[in-house]
N, C-alpha and C. Protein backbone atom coordinates (compact mmCIF):
# COMPACT_ATOMS: atom_id res chain seq x y z
N MET A 1 -4.28 -4.98 17.17
CA MET A 1 -3.89 -4.52 15.85
C MET A 1 -4.65 -3.23 15.54
N PRO A 2 -3.93 -2.18 15.10
CA PRO A 2 -4.62 -0.93 14.80
C PRO A 2 -5.52 -1.08 13.59
N SER A 3 -6.58 -0.30 13.57
CA SER A 3 -7.50 -0.37 12.43
C SER A 3 -6.94 0.43 11.26
N ILE A 4 -7.39 0.11 10.07
CA ILE A 4 -6.96 0.80 8.86
C ILE A 4 -7.84 2.04 8.70
N PRO A 5 -7.21 3.23 8.57
CA PRO A 5 -8.02 4.44 8.42
C PRO A 5 -8.81 4.42 7.12
N LYS A 6 -9.96 5.07 7.13
CA LYS A 6 -10.82 5.14 5.95
C LYS A 6 -10.17 6.00 4.89
N ALA A 7 -10.01 5.47 3.69
CA ALA A 7 -9.35 6.19 2.60
C ALA A 7 -10.37 7.03 1.83
N ILE A 8 -9.90 8.16 1.36
CA ILE A 8 -10.71 9.01 0.48
C ILE A 8 -10.13 8.86 -0.92
N VAL A 9 -10.91 8.25 -1.81
CA VAL A 9 -10.44 7.97 -3.17
C VAL A 9 -11.47 8.43 -4.18
N LYS A 10 -11.06 8.53 -5.43
CA LYS A 10 -11.97 8.90 -6.51
C LYS A 10 -12.98 7.78 -6.73
N SER A 11 -14.15 8.14 -7.14
CA SER A 11 -15.20 7.18 -7.44
C SER A 11 -14.72 6.18 -8.48
N GLY A 12 -14.96 4.91 -8.24
CA GLY A 12 -14.58 3.87 -9.18
C GLY A 12 -13.22 3.28 -8.93
N TYR A 13 -12.49 3.78 -7.92
CA TYR A 13 -11.16 3.23 -7.63
C TYR A 13 -11.31 1.78 -7.22
N LYS A 14 -10.45 0.92 -7.77
CA LYS A 14 -10.44 -0.50 -7.41
C LYS A 14 -9.07 -0.85 -6.86
N ALA A 15 -9.05 -1.70 -5.85
CA ALA A 15 -7.80 -2.17 -5.28
C ALA A 15 -7.02 -2.96 -6.32
N GLN A 16 -5.71 -3.05 -6.13
CA GLN A 16 -4.85 -3.75 -7.09
C GLN A 16 -5.08 -5.26 -7.07
N SER A 17 -5.63 -5.77 -5.98
CA SER A 17 -5.86 -7.20 -5.85
C SER A 17 -7.30 -7.44 -5.38
N ASP A 18 -7.89 -8.53 -5.81
CA ASP A 18 -9.27 -8.84 -5.44
C ASP A 18 -9.43 -9.09 -3.94
N ASP A 19 -8.36 -9.54 -3.28
CA ASP A 19 -8.48 -9.88 -1.86
C ASP A 19 -7.98 -8.76 -0.94
N THR A 20 -7.86 -7.54 -1.47
CA THR A 20 -7.41 -6.39 -0.69
C THR A 20 -8.47 -5.31 -0.73
N SER A 21 -8.79 -4.74 0.43
CA SER A 21 -9.78 -3.67 0.45
C SER A 21 -9.17 -2.39 -0.12
N VAL A 22 -10.01 -1.48 -0.56
CA VAL A 22 -9.54 -0.20 -1.09
C VAL A 22 -8.77 0.54 0.00
N ASP A 23 -9.27 0.51 1.22
CA ASP A 23 -8.60 1.21 2.32
C ASP A 23 -7.20 0.66 2.56
N ALA A 24 -7.06 -0.66 2.57
CA ALA A 24 -5.75 -1.28 2.77
C ALA A 24 -4.83 -0.97 1.59
N ASP A 25 -5.35 -0.99 0.39
CA ASP A 25 -4.58 -0.70 -0.81
C ASP A 25 -3.99 0.72 -0.74
N VAL A 26 -4.81 1.68 -0.40
CA VAL A 26 -4.35 3.07 -0.30
C VAL A 26 -3.32 3.21 0.81
N LEU A 27 -3.54 2.55 1.94
CA LEU A 27 -2.58 2.60 3.04
C LEU A 27 -1.23 2.03 2.62
N ILE A 28 -1.24 0.90 1.94
CA ILE A 28 0.01 0.28 1.50
C ILE A 28 0.78 1.22 0.57
N PHE A 29 0.09 1.83 -0.39
CA PHE A 29 0.76 2.74 -1.31
C PHE A 29 1.30 3.97 -0.58
N ASN A 30 0.57 4.48 0.39
CA ASN A 30 1.05 5.63 1.16
C ASN A 30 2.30 5.26 1.97
N LEU A 31 2.31 4.08 2.56
CA LEU A 31 3.49 3.64 3.31
C LEU A 31 4.69 3.42 2.38
N LEU A 32 4.45 2.85 1.21
CA LEU A 32 5.54 2.65 0.25
C LEU A 32 6.11 3.98 -0.23
N ARG A 33 5.25 4.99 -0.38
CA ARG A 33 5.71 6.32 -0.81
C ARG A 33 6.69 6.93 0.18
N ARG A 34 6.56 6.58 1.45
CA ARG A 34 7.42 7.14 2.49
C ARG A 34 8.83 6.54 2.50
N LEU A 35 8.99 5.38 1.88
CA LEU A 35 10.30 4.72 1.88
C LEU A 35 11.27 5.45 0.97
N SER A 36 12.53 5.46 1.36
CA SER A 36 13.57 6.03 0.50
C SER A 36 13.81 5.07 -0.66
N PHE A 37 14.52 5.58 -1.67
CA PHE A 37 14.86 4.74 -2.81
C PHE A 37 15.67 3.53 -2.37
N GLU A 38 16.60 3.77 -1.45
CA GLU A 38 17.45 2.68 -0.96
C GLU A 38 16.63 1.61 -0.26
N ASP A 39 15.66 2.04 0.56
CA ASP A 39 14.81 1.08 1.26
C ASP A 39 13.96 0.27 0.28
N LYS A 40 13.45 0.94 -0.75
CA LYS A 40 12.66 0.23 -1.76
C LYS A 40 13.52 -0.79 -2.50
N ALA A 41 14.74 -0.39 -2.86
CA ALA A 41 15.65 -1.30 -3.56
C ALA A 41 15.98 -2.51 -2.69
N GLU A 42 16.16 -2.28 -1.42
CA GLU A 42 16.46 -3.37 -0.49
C GLU A 42 15.29 -4.35 -0.41
N GLN A 43 14.06 -3.84 -0.40
CA GLN A 43 12.88 -4.70 -0.36
C GLN A 43 12.79 -5.57 -1.61
N VAL A 44 13.12 -4.99 -2.77
CA VAL A 44 13.04 -5.72 -4.03
C VAL A 44 14.10 -6.82 -4.07
N GLN A 45 15.26 -6.56 -3.50
CA GLN A 45 16.37 -7.52 -3.54
C GLN A 45 16.20 -8.67 -2.57
N LYS A 46 15.35 -8.51 -1.57
CA LYS A 46 15.16 -9.58 -0.58
C LYS A 46 14.53 -10.80 -1.24
N THR A 47 15.05 -11.96 -0.90
CA THR A 47 14.45 -13.22 -1.36
C THR A 47 14.27 -14.13 -0.16
N ASP A 48 13.17 -14.77 -0.11
CA ASP A 48 12.88 -15.69 1.01
C ASP A 48 12.89 -17.12 0.53
């Protein structure tokens, strides 16, 4: 499994969830930013 790159964030930044590291949080948001609107809509509509 590839390692998560070290994120550069403003001082005091907190991850959105207590069980997620700041580095993982930033990576997730960066990956989500790359998705098209259609891809994001498809992810929201999926139900398991």
